PDB file of N, CA and C in Angstrom:
ATOM      1  N   MET A   1       0.843  -1.179   0.000  1.00  0.00           N
ATOM      2  CA  MET A   1       0.000   0.000   0.000  1.00  0.00           C
ATOM      3  C   MET A   1       0.891   1.247   0.000  1.00  0.00           C
ATOM      4  N   THR A   2       0.633   2.149  -0.886  1.00  0.00           N
ATOM      5  CA  THR A   2       1.446   3.356  -0.976  1.00  0.00           C
ATOM      6  C   THR A   2       0.895   4.451  -0.076  1.00  0.00           C
ATOM      7  N   ASP A   3       1.790   5.311   0.357  1.00  0.00           N
ATOM      8  CA  ASP A   3       1.414   6.429   1.219  1.00  0.00           C
ATOM      9  C   ASP A   3       0.950   7.575   0.333  1.00  0.00           C
ATOM     10  N   LYS A   4      -0.316   7.951   0.428  1.00  0.00           N
ATOM     11  CA  LYS A   4      -0.894   9.000  -0.421  1.00  0.00           C
ATOM     12  C   LYS A   4      -0.873  10.377   0.238  1.00  0.00           C
ATOM     13  N   ARG A   5      -0.291  10.476   1.442  1.00  0.00           N
ATOM     14  CA  ARG A   5      -0.280  11.768   2.124  1.00  0.00           C
ATOM     15  C   ARG A   5       0.586  12.771   1.365  1.00  0.00           C
ATOM     16  N   MET A   6       0.092  13.989   1.286  1.00  0.00           N
ATOM     17  CA  MET A   6       0.842  15.096   0.698  1.00  0.00           C
ATOM     18  C   MET A   6       0.696  16.292   1.625  1.00  0.00           C
ATOM     19  N   PHE A   7       1.806  16.956   1.873  1.00  0.00           N
ATOM     20  CA  PHE A   7       1.838  18.083   2.795  1.00  0.00           C
ATOM     21  C   PHE A   7       2.113  19.367   2.031  1.00  0.00           C
ATOM     22  N   ILE A   8       1.314  20.386   2.305  1.00  0.00           N
ATOM     23  CA  ILE A   8       1.483  21.699   1.682  1.00  0.00           C
ATOM     24  C   ILE A   8       2.199  22.585   2.697  1.00  0.00           C
ATOM     25  N   GLU A   9       3.402  23.037   2.345  1.00  0.00           N
ATOM     26  CA  GLU A   9       4.209  23.861   3.240  1.00  0.00           C
ATOM     27  C   GLU A   9       4.503  25.207   2.599  1.00  0.00           C
ATOM     28  N   ARG A  10       4.379  26.261   3.374  1.00  0.00           N
ATOM     29  CA  ARG A  10       4.748  27.595   2.886  1.00  0.00           C
ATOM     30  C   ARG A  10       6.259  27.730   2.966  1.00  0.00           C
ATOM     31  N   ARG A  11       6.859  28.251   1.913  1.00  0.00           N
ATOM     32  CA  ARG A  11       8.303  28.488   1.888  1.00  0.00           C
ATOM     33  C   ARG A  11       8.541  29.959   2.216  1.00  0.00           C
ATOM     34  N   PRO A  12       8.993  30.270   3.438  1.00  0.00           N
ATOM     35  CA  PRO A  12       9.092  31.667   3.878  1.00  0.00           C
ATOM     36  C   PRO A  12      10.063  32.511   3.058  1.00  0.00           C
ATOM     37  N   GLU A  13      11.098  31.902   2.516  1.00  0.00           N
ATOM     38  CA  GLU A  13      12.076  32.686   1.759  1.00  0.00           C
ATOM     39  C   GLU A  13      11.519  33.205   0.436  1.00  0.00           C
ATOM     40  N   THR A  14      10.547  32.506  -0.140  1.00  0.00           N
ATOM     41  CA  THR A  14       9.994  32.915  -1.434  1.00  0.00           C
ATOM     42  C   THR A  14       8.496  33.226  -1.383  1.00  0.00           C
ATOM     43  N   GLY A  15       7.811  32.757  -0.332  1.00  0.00           N
ATOM     44  CA  GLY A  15       6.384  33.029  -0.183  1.00  0.00           C
ATOM     45  C   GLY A  15       5.479  32.112  -0.979  1.00  0.00           C
ATOM     46  N   ASP A  16       6.049  31.129  -1.676  1.00  0.00           N
ATOM     47  CA  ASP A  16       5.212  30.193  -2.423  1.00  0.00           C
ATOM     48  C   ASP A  16       4.993  28.929  -1.588  1.00  0.00           C
ATOM     49  N   TYR A  17       4.363  27.914  -2.190  1.00  0.00           N
ATOM     50  CA  TYR A  17       3.963  26.724  -1.449  1.00  0.00           C
ATOM     51  C   TYR A  17       4.513  25.467  -2.109  1.00  0.00           C
ATOM     52  N   ALA A  18       5.103  24.603  -1.288  1.00  0.00           N
ATOM     53  CA  ALA A  18       5.669  23.349  -1.765  1.00  0.00           C
ATOM     54  C   ALA A  18       4.733  22.204  -1.403  1.00  0.00           C
ATOM     55  N   VAL A  19       4.576  21.257  -2.334  1.00  0.00           N
ATOM     56  CA  VAL A  19       3.823  20.033  -2.083  1.00  0.00           C
ATOM     57  C   VAL A  19       4.863  18.942  -1.870  1.00  0.00           C
ATOM     58  N   ARG A  20       4.814  18.313  -0.700  1.00  0.00           N
ATOM     59  CA  ARG A  20       5.815  17.303  -0.363  1.00  0.00           C
ATOM     60  C   ARG A  20       5.151  16.020   0.100  1.00  0.00           C
ATOM     61  N   LYS A  21       5.804  14.904  -0.191  1.00  0.00           N
ATOM     62  CA  LYS A  21       5.395  13.612   0.339  1.00  0.00           C
ATOM     63  C   LYS A  21       6.196  13.363   1.616  1.00  0.00           C
ATOM     64  N   PRO A  22       5.711  12.485   2.498  1.00  0.00           N
ATOM     65  CA  PRO A  22       6.437  12.232   3.747  1.00  0.00           C
ATOM     66  C   PRO A  22       7.874  11.772   3.489  1.00  0.00           C
ATOM     67  N   ASP A  23       8.793  12.276   4.273  1.00  0.00           N
ATOM     68  CA  ASP A  23      10.212  11.902   4.231  1.00  0.00           C
ATOM     69  C   ASP A  23      10.892  12.206   2.900  1.00  0.00           C
ATOM     70  N   SER A  24      10.325  13.103   2.106  1.00  0.00           N
ATOM     71  CA  SER A  24      10.955  13.449   0.831  1.00  0.00           C
ATOM     72  C   SER A  24      12.015  14.524   1.038  1.00  0.00           C
ATOM     73  N   GLU A  25      13.030  14.504   0.193  1.00  0.00           N
ATOM     74  CA  GLU A  25      14.069  15.528   0.248  1.00  0.00           C
ATOM     75  C   GLU A  25      13.704  16.731  -0.608  1.00  0.00           C
ATOM     76  N   ARG A  26      12.928  16.495  -1.660  1.00  0.00           N
ATOM     77  CA  ARG A  26      12.552  17.567  -2.585  1.00  0.00           C
ATOM     78  C   ARG A  26      11.038  17.665  -2.687  1.00  0.00           C
ATOM     79  N   ALA A  27      10.583  18.825  -3.082  1.00  0.00           N
ATOM     80  CA  ALA A  27       9.150  19.039  -3.280  1.00  0.00           C
ATOM     81  C   ALA A  27       8.692  18.365  -4.568  1.00  0.00           C
ATOM     82  N   SER A  28       7.479  17.848  -4.564  1.00  0.00           N
ATOM     83  CA  SER A  28       6.878  17.293  -5.780  1.00  0.00           C
ATOM     84  C   SER A  28       6.461  18.407  -6.722  1.00  0.00           C
ATOM     85  N   ALA A  29       6.063  19.549  -6.142  1.00  0.00           N
ATOM     86  CA  ALA A  29       5.664  20.721  -6.930  1.00  0.00           C
ATOM     87  C   ALA A  29       5.819  21.958  -6.056  1.00  0.00           C
ATOM     88  N   VAL A  30       6.047  23.090  -6.709  1.00  0.00           N
ATOM     89  CA  VAL A  30       6.083  24.384  -6.024  1.00  0.00           C
ATOM     90  C   VAL A  30       5.141  25.301  -6.785  1.00  0.00           C
ATOM     91  N   LEU A  31       4.147  25.848  -6.075  1.00  0.00           N
ATOM     92  CA  LEU A  31       3.124  26.673  -6.709  1.00  0.00           C
ATOM     93  C   LEU A  31       2.995  28.004  -5.977  1.00  0.00           C
ATOM     94  N   PRO A  32       2.510  29.033  -6.667  1.00  0.00           N
ATOM     95  CA  PRO A  32       2.487  30.377  -6.077  1.00  0.00           C
ATOM     96  C   PRO A  32       1.462  30.597  -4.969  1.00  0.00           C
ATOM     97  N   THR A  33       0.370  29.811  -4.951  1.00  0.00           N
ATOM     98  CA  THR A  33      -0.646  30.013  -3.913  1.00  0.00           C
ATOM     99  C   THR A  33      -0.965  28.698  -3.212  1.00  0.00           C
ATOM    100  N   GLN A  34      -1.459  28.820  -1.992  1.00  0.00           N
ATOM    101  CA  GLN A  34      -1.851  27.649  -1.227  1.00  0.00           C
ATOM    102  C   GLN A  34      -2.985  26.906  -1.935  1.00  0.00           C
ATOM    103  N   GLY A  35      -3.938  27.642  -2.493  1.00  0.00           N
ATOM    104  CA  GLY A  35      -5.062  27.025  -3.197  1.00  0.00           C
ATOM    105  C   GLY A  35      -4.621  26.203  -4.391  1.00  0.00           C
ATOM    106  N   GLU A  36      -3.688  26.730  -5.166  1.00  0.00           N
ATOM    107  CA  GLU A  36      -3.173  25.983  -6.317  1.00  0.00           C
ATOM    108  C   GLU A  36      -2.438  24.725  -5.868  1.00  0.00           C
ATOM    109  N   ALA A  37      -1.703  24.816  -4.767  1.00  0.00           N
ATOM    110  CA  ALA A  37      -0.986  23.651  -4.249  1.00  0.00           C
ATOM    111  C   ALA A  37      -1.966  22.578  -3.776  1.00  0.00           C
ATOM    112  N   ILE A  38      -3.035  22.989  -3.105  1.00  0.00           N
ATOM    113  CA  ILE A  38      -4.057  22.041  -2.650  1.00  0.00           C
ATOM    114  C   ILE A  38      -4.714  21.367  -3.851  1.00  0.00           C
ATOM    115  N   ASP A  39      -5.098  22.137  -4.854  1.00  0.00           N
ATOM    116  CA  ASP A  39      -5.721  21.578  -6.062  1.00  0.00           C
ATOM    117  C   ASP A  39      -4.792  20.593  -6.753  1.00  0.00           C
ATOM    118  N   TRP A  40      -3.514  20.937  -6.863  1.00  0.00           N
ATOM    119  CA  TRP A  40      -2.522  20.074  -7.519  1.00  0.00           C
ATOM    120  C   TRP A  40      -2.453  18.728  -6.801  1.00  0.00           C
ATOM    121  N   ALA A  41      -2.378  18.755  -5.468  1.00  0.00           N
ATOM    122  CA  ALA A  41      -2.283  17.520  -4.690  1.00  0.00           C
ATOM    123  C   ALA A  41      -3.562  16.690  -4.796  1.00  0.00           C
ATOM    124  N   LYS A  42      -4.722  17.339  -4.747  1.00  0.00           N
ATOM    125  CA  LYS A  42      -5.997  16.616  -4.851  1.00  0.00           C
ATOM    126  C   LYS A  42      -6.168  15.972  -6.221  1.00  0.00           C
ATOM    127  N   GLU A  43      -5.727  16.656  -7.278  1.00  0.00           N
ATOM    128  CA  GLU A  43      -5.828  16.101  -8.633  1.00  0.00           C
ATOM    129  C   GLU A  43      -5.035  14.809  -8.765  1.00  0.00           C
ATOM    130  N   ARG A  44      -4.018  14.647  -7.954  1.00  0.00           N
ATOM    131  CA  ARG A  44      -3.177  13.458  -8.001  1.00  0.00           C
ATOM    132  C   ARG A  44      -3.579  12.416  -6.963  1.00  0.00           C
ATOM    133  N   GLY A  45      -4.746  12.610  -6.368  1.00  0.00           N
ATOM    134  CA  GLY A  45      -5.283  11.626  -5.435  1.00  0.00           C
ATOM    135  C   GLY A  45      -4.649  11.641  -4.062  1.00  0.00           C
ATOM    136  N   GLY A  46      -4.037  12.735  -3.704  1.00  0.00           N
ATOM    137  CA  GLY A  46      -3.368  12.809  -2.415  1.00  0.00           C
ATOM    138  C   GLY A  46      -4.316  13.036  -1.251  1.00  0.00           C
ATOM    139  N   ASP A  47      -3.913  12.537  -0.094  1.00  0.00           N
ATOM    140  CA  ASP A  47      -4.589  12.823   1.173  1.00  0.00           C
ATOM    141  C   ASP A  47      -3.884  14.065   1.706  1.00  0.00           C
ATOM    142  N   VAL A  48      -4.498  15.228   1.554  1.00  0.00           N
ATOM    143  CA  VAL A  48      -3.822  16.517   1.697  1.00  0.00           C
ATOM    144  C   VAL A  48      -3.868  17.047   3.130  1.00  0.00           C
ATOM    145  N   PHE A  49      -2.713  17.528   3.591  1.00  0.00           N
ATOM    146  CA  PHE A  49      -2.578  18.208   4.873  1.00  0.00           C
ATOM    147  C   PHE A  49      -1.889  19.537   4.610  1.00  0.00           C
ATOM    148  N   VAL A  50      -2.402  20.604   5.235  1.00  0.00           N
ATOM    149  CA  VAL A  50      -1.897  21.951   4.982  1.00  0.00           C
ATOM    150  C   VAL A  50      -1.290  22.514   6.262  1.00  0.00           C
ATOM    151  N   GLU A  51      -0.101  23.088   6.128  1.00  0.00           N
ATOM    152  CA  GLU A  51       0.547  23.741   7.257  1.00  0.00           C
ATOM    153  C   GLU A  51      -0.212  25.013   7.610  1.00  0.00           C
ATOM    154  N   ARG A  52      -0.447  25.232   8.879  1.00  0.00           N
ATOM    155  CA  ARG A  52      -1.057  26.501   9.299  1.00  0.00           C
ATOM    156  C   ARG A  52      -0.011  27.590   9.130  1.00  0.00           C
ATOM    157  N   VAL A  53      -0.408  28.700   8.529  1.00  0.00           N
ATOM    158  CA  VAL A  53       0.557  29.769   8.280  1.00  0.00           C
ATOM    159  C   VAL A  53       0.334  30.983   9.173  1.00  0.00           C
ATOM    160  N   ARG A  54      -0.588  30.873  10.104  1.00  0.00           N
ATOM    161  CA  ARG A  54      -0.817  31.977  11.042  1.00  0.00           C
ATOM    162  C   ARG A  54      -1.415  31.416  12.323  1.00  0.00           C
ATOM    163  N   ASN A  55      -1.365  32.192  13.367  1.00  0.00           N
ATOM    164  CA  ASN A  55      -1.975  31.800  14.635  1.00  0.00           C
ATOM    165  C   ASN A  55      -3.476  32.053  14.576  1.00  0.00           C
ATOM    166  N   THR A  56      -4.244  31.079  15.048  1.00  0.00           N
ATOM    167  CA  THR A  56      -5.693  31.231  15.150  1.00  0.00           C
ATOM    168  C   THR A  56      -6.125  30.726  16.517  1.00  0.00           C
ATOM    169  N   ASP A  57      -7.403  30.838  16.817  1.00  0.00           N
ATOM    170  CA  ASP A  57      -7.884  30.306  18.090  1.00  0.00           C
ATOM    171  C   ASP A  57      -7.926  28.779  18.086  1.00  0.00           C
ATOM    172  N   ARG A  58      -7.759  28.157  16.923  1.00  0.00           N
ATOM    173  CA  ARG A  58      -7.790  26.695  16.819  1.00  0.00           C
ATOM    174  C   ARG A  58      -6.421  26.066  16.598  1.00  0.00           C
ATOM    175  N   GLY A  59      -5.436  26.843  16.207  1.00  0.00           N
ATOM    176  CA  GLY A  59      -4.142  26.236  15.930  1.00  0.00           C
ATOM    177  C   GLY A  59      -3.057  27.264  15.705  1.00  0.00           C
ATOM    178  N   HIS A  60      -1.860  26.762  15.601  1.00  0.00           N
ATOM    179  CA  HIS A  60      -0.680  27.599  15.426  1.00  0.00           C
ATOM    180  C   HIS A  60       0.125  27.070  14.239  1.00  0.00           C
ATOM    181  N   PRO A  61       1.132  27.807  13.778  1.00  0.00           N
ATOM    182  CA  PRO A  61       1.883  27.391  12.596  1.00  0.00           C
ATOM    183  C   PRO A  61       2.564  26.025  12.698  1.00  0.00           C
ATOM    184  N   ASP A  62       2.739  25.490  13.891  1.00  0.00           N
ATOM    185  CA  ASP A  62       3.373  24.177  14.019  1.00  0.00           C
ATOM    186  C   ASP A  62       2.374  23.024  13.898  1.00  0.00           C
ATOM    187  N   LYS A  63       1.165  23.291  13.456  1.00  0.00           N
ATOM    188  CA  LYS A  63       0.116  22.274  13.326  1.00  0.00           C
ATOM    189  C   LYS A  63      -0.270  22.087  11.859  1.00  0.00           C
ATOM    190  N   TRP A  64      -0.926  20.949  11.573  1.00  0.00           N
ATOM    191  CA  TRP A  64      -1.413  20.649  10.226  1.00  0.00           C
ATOM    192  C   TRP A  64      -2.928  20.625  10.256  1.00  0.00           C
ATOM    193  N   ARG A  65      -3.541  20.972   9.134  1.00  0.00           N
ATOM    194  CA  ARG A  65      -4.999  20.938   9.035  1.00  0.00           C
ATOM    195  C   ARG A  65      -5.383  20.340   7.691  1.00  0.00           C
ATOM    196  N   ARG A  66      -6.605  19.902   7.604  1.00  0.00           N
ATOM    197  CA  ARG A  66      -7.138  19.448   6.311  1.00  0.00           C
ATOM    198  C   ARG A  66      -7.722  20.660   5.607  1.00  0.00           C
ATOM    199  N   PRO A  67      -7.590  20.724   4.277  1.00  0.00           N
ATOM    200  CA  PRO A  67      -8.143  21.879   3.544  1.00  0.00           C
ATOM    201  C   PRO A  67      -9.661  21.874   3.527  1.00  0.00           C
TER     202      PRO A  67
END
């Protein structure tokens, strides 16, 4: 069984978003917006998790959420 998880991470140095698989060294894709990164991962059948990019009453940047 293959791992279908894909993580969307904001790259602070450039402000774009990387789509990564668990334990990968390189991004599968780099896209300019979080929405485009989520769509890209969903189109490929990924189980998508998004990095929180700001503090909210429900979570902080060190947490993951579903889109």
